[in-house]
Amino acid sequence: MSAALLIGTTACSGSDDKKSSDAPTPSDTTAGSETGQQPASETSAKSDDPVLPDLAAAQVVAGLAKGGYKCGADGTYAICTSGTVSVWVLTGSHKRPPVVSLHANGAKIADVRAEIGKQLPKVLEIAHINPRTPITDWFGALGTVERATKVGDWRVDWSTETVDTEDPGAHLTLVDSTCKVNCQAE
């Protein structure tokens, strides 16, 4: 049950714990942002991804199971695992899952990040996250430093836990910014 509590905390903590300021960082903006171009996180409308229809959480979990993930539940989350990566899907009656989060444990964050990166495109496709390519590209370029961005209707947070924890690892959490009620676990 503590894992579910961690997920809810991760999903709602955003960048409060981050060491960055409100100023954009090089990985959050395009090279020309100083000359007035939009940050990369706001150029998602230019994605060539075909728009996929929204899926309810149960449909996402069924898709993950069909895609080779082993799925179960922990409180309000469905947890689907493949290899070292777990995908947490906040369940409920929303038009789409309010939270989709990828987790991997390990003390070497670069290795954990690589494992999440291998599964990220597949998970985004199965969950019908729109747009997918900007999220994948952002994640591929961010390194191991904690960051957050907004892509389409999704807030994307990358966080790590390596100090003072029994389960070191990392989390990539996508939160639906259009969700208004029951949008995160208690």
Protein backbone atom coordinates (compact mmCIF):
# COMPACT_ATOMS: atom_id res chain seq x y z
CA MET A 1 0.00 0.00 0.00
CA SER A 2 2.92 2.36 0.58
CA ALA A 3 3.68 2.22 -3.13
CA ALA A 4 0.22 3.60 -3.91
CA LEU A 5 0.81 6.40 -1.45
CA LEU A 6 4.12 7.13 -3.15
CA ILE A 7 2.44 7.30 -6.52
CA GLY A 8 -0.19 9.73 -5.31
CA THR A 9 2.53 11.84 -3.80
CA THR A 10 4.57 11.74 -6.98
CA ALA A 11 1.55 12.58 -9.11
CA CYS A 12 0.59 15.62 -7.11
CA SER A 13 3.99 16.82 -5.97
CA GLY A 14 4.88 18.26 -9.36
CA SER A 15 8.02 20.30 -9.25
CA ASP A 16 7.67 21.51 -5.65
CA ASP A 17 10.64 19.36 -4.63
CA LYS A 18 12.69 20.23 -7.67
CA LYS A 19 15.89 22.19 -7.39
CA SER A 20 15.12 24.28 -10.47
CA SER A 21 13.75 27.79 -10.50
CA ASP A 22 10.78 29.03 -12.49
CA ALA A 23 13.11 29.93 -15.34
CA PRO A 24 13.18 27.51 -18.25
CA THR A 25 16.12 25.19 -18.42
CA PRO A 26 17.96 24.23 -21.61
CA SER A 27 16.19 20.87 -21.76
CA ASP A 28 12.77 22.51 -21.36
CA THR A 29 13.03 24.92 -24.28
CA THR A 30 14.11 24.98 -27.88
CA ALA A 31 17.50 26.37 -28.76
CA GLY A 32 15.90 29.57 -30.02
CA SER A 33 13.64 30.27 -27.06
CA GLU A 34 15.71 33.27 -26.04
CA THR A 35 14.80 34.87 -29.37
CA GLY A 36 11.08 34.56 -28.73
CA GLN A 37 10.30 31.07 -29.95
CA GLN A 38 7.93 28.99 -27.87
CA PRO A 39 9.29 26.47 -25.36
CA ALA A 40 9.44 22.94 -26.74
CA SER A 41 6.68 21.89 -24.37
CA GLU A 42 4.29 24.27 -26.14
CA THR A 43 5.03 23.13 -29.69
CA SER A 44 3.19 19.81 -29.29
CA ALA A 45 0.46 20.91 -31.72
CA LYS A 46 3.01 20.45 -34.51
CA SER A 47 3.36 16.73 -33.80
CA ASP A 48 2.75 14.35 -36.68
CA ASP A 49 1.28 11.73 -34.33
CA PRO A 50 -2.13 10.54 -35.45
CA VAL A 51 -4.62 11.55 -32.77
CA LEU A 52 -5.90 8.47 -30.98
CA PRO A 53 -9.32 8.45 -29.27
CA ASP A 54 -9.47 8.68 -25.49
CA LEU A 55 -9.58 5.38 -23.63
CA ALA A 56 -10.98 4.77 -20.17
CA ALA A 57 -8.56 3.39 -17.56
CA ALA A 58 -10.00 -0.13 -17.88
CA GLN A 59 -9.33 -0.06 -21.63
CA VAL A 60 -5.75 1.10 -21.05
CA VAL A 61 -5.17 -1.72 -18.55
CA ALA A 62 -6.68 -4.25 -20.99
CA GLY A 63 -4.38 -2.90 -23.71
CA LEU A 64 -1.33 -3.22 -21.48
CA ALA A 65 -2.31 -6.80 -20.59
CA LYS A 66 -2.75 -7.59 -24.29
CA GLY A 67 0.66 -5.95 -24.90
CA GLY A 68 2.42 -8.43 -22.61
CA TYR A 69 2.19 -6.67 -19.26
CA LYS A 70 1.11 -8.55 -16.13
CA CYS A 71 -1.60 -6.49 -14.46
CA GLY A 72 -3.00 -6.34 -10.96
CA ALA A 73 -4.38 -3.67 -8.63
CA ASP A 74 -3.26 -1.74 -5.57
CA GLY A 75 -5.97 0.49 -4.20
CA THR A 76 -7.08 2.98 -6.83
CA TYR A 77 -4.29 2.09 -9.24
CA ALA A 78 -4.00 -0.74 -11.73
CA ILE A 79 -0.36 -1.83 -11.91
CA CYS A 80 0.97 -3.47 -15.05
CA THR A 81 4.54 -4.77 -15.11
CA SER A 82 6.88 -5.80 -17.88
CA GLY A 83 10.49 -6.55 -16.99
CA THR A 84 11.75 -3.96 -14.53
CA VAL A 85 9.14 -1.31 -15.39
CA SER A 86 5.73 -0.93 -13.78
CA VAL A 87 2.99 1.17 -15.32
CA TRP A 88 0.52 2.61 -12.83
CA VAL A 89 -2.88 3.67 -14.17
CA LEU A 90 -5.26 5.61 -11.90
CA THR A 91 -8.62 3.94 -12.28
CA GLY A 92 -12.04 5.58 -12.19
CA SER A 93 -14.85 6.61 -14.48
CA HIS A 94 -12.97 9.38 -16.28
CA LYS A 95 -12.95 9.65 -20.08
CA ARG A 96 -9.24 8.77 -19.84
CA PRO A 97 -6.91 7.90 -16.97
CA PRO A 98 -6.08 10.99 -14.90
CA VAL A 99 -2.62 9.55 -14.16
CA VAL A 100 -0.37 7.19 -16.12
CA SER A 101 2.98 6.64 -14.49
CA LEU A 102 6.04 4.54 -15.37
CA HIS A 103 8.28 3.36 -12.53
CA ALA A 104 11.50 1.41 -12.28
CA ASN A 105 13.65 0.60 -9.26
CA GLY A 106 17.41 0.77 -9.14
CA ALA A 107 20.22 2.80 -7.65
CA LYS A 108 21.74 3.74 -11.04
CA ILE A 109 19.32 6.33 -12.38
CA ALA A 110 20.81 6.25 -15.89
CA ASP A 111 20.02 2.52 -16.11
CA VAL A 112 16.53 3.00 -14.68
CA ARG A 113 15.90 5.86 -17.12
CA ALA A 114 16.99 3.67 -20.02
CA GLU A 115 14.55 0.93 -18.98
CA ILE A 116 11.67 3.39 -18.79
CA GLY A 117 12.72 4.91 -22.12
CA LYS A 118 12.54 1.52 -23.84
CA GLN A 119 8.90 1.08 -22.83
CA LEU A 120 7.69 4.67 -23.02
CA PRO A 121 6.65 4.76 -26.72
CA LYS A 122 4.68 1.51 -26.37
CA VAL A 123 2.92 2.68 -23.20
CA LEU A 124 2.01 6.05 -24.72
CA GLU A 125 0.58 4.27 -27.77
CA ILE A 126 -1.41 1.74 -25.75
CA ALA A 127 -2.77 4.46 -23.42
CA HIS A 128 -3.65 6.72 -26.38
CA ILE A 129 -1.70 9.66 -24.95
CA ASN A 130 -1.79 12.53 -27.45
CA PRO A 131 0.70 13.70 -28.65
CA ARG A 132 3.27 10.95 -28.08
CA THR A 133 6.39 11.98 -30.00
CA PRO A 134 7.04 15.26 -28.10
CA ILE A 135 6.88 13.36 -24.80
CA THR A 136 9.25 10.67 -26.03
CA ASP A 137 11.63 13.27 -27.48
CA TRP A 138 11.59 15.34 -24.28
CA PHE A 139 12.27 12.27 -22.16
CA GLY A 140 15.11 11.17 -24.45
CA ALA A 141 16.84 14.53 -24.08
CA LEU A 142 16.37 15.26 -20.40
CA GLY A 143 19.10 13.17 -18.79
CA THR A 144 18.86 12.17 -15.15
CA VAL A 145 18.01 15.59 -13.67
CA GLU A 146 14.43 15.98 -12.41
CA ARG A 147 12.27 18.01 -14.78
CA ALA A 148 8.66 18.73 -15.68
CA THR A 149 6.94 19.89 -18.84
CA LYS A 150 3.48 20.22 -20.35
CA VAL A 151 2.70 18.48 -23.63
CA GLY A 152 -0.81 18.86 -24.99
CA ASP A 153 -3.20 18.23 -22.08
CA TRP A 154 -0.59 16.30 -20.10
CA ARG A 155 1.78 17.47 -17.38
CA VAL A 156 4.84 15.23 -17.50
CA ASP A 157 7.09 14.90 -14.43
CA TRP A 158 10.41 13.05 -14.18
CA SER A 159 11.49 12.38 -10.59
CA THR A 160 14.10 10.22 -8.92
CA GLU A 161 14.61 8.76 -5.47
CA THR A 162 18.12 7.79 -4.49
CA VAL A 163 18.74 9.24 -1.04
CA ASP A 164 17.20 7.99 2.21
CA THR A 165 15.01 5.37 0.58
CA GLU A 166 14.79 1.60 0.68
CA ASP A 167 13.57 1.51 -2.93
CA PRO A 168 15.71 3.81 -5.09
CA GLY A 169 14.44 4.41 -8.58
CA ALA A 170 12.68 6.82 -10.90
CA HIS A 171 9.20 7.81 -11.99
CA LEU A 172 7.80 9.36 -15.15
CA THR A 173 4.30 10.57 -14.35
CA LEU A 174 1.75 11.94 -16.80
CA VAL A 175 -1.18 13.82 -15.27
CA ASP A 176 -4.26 14.81 -17.32
CA SER A 177 -4.61 18.58 -16.85
CA THR A 178 -8.23 18.48 -18.05
CA CYS A 179 -9.31 16.26 -15.16
CA LYS A 180 -11.40 18.15 -12.59
CA VAL A 181 -12.71 15.54 -10.07
CA ASN A 182 -10.99 12.52 -8.43
CA CYS A 183 -7.86 13.18 -10.42
CA GLN A 184 -5.33 11.66 -8.03
CA ALA A 185 -5.18 8.99 -5.40
CA GLU A 186 -5.64 10.05 -1.80
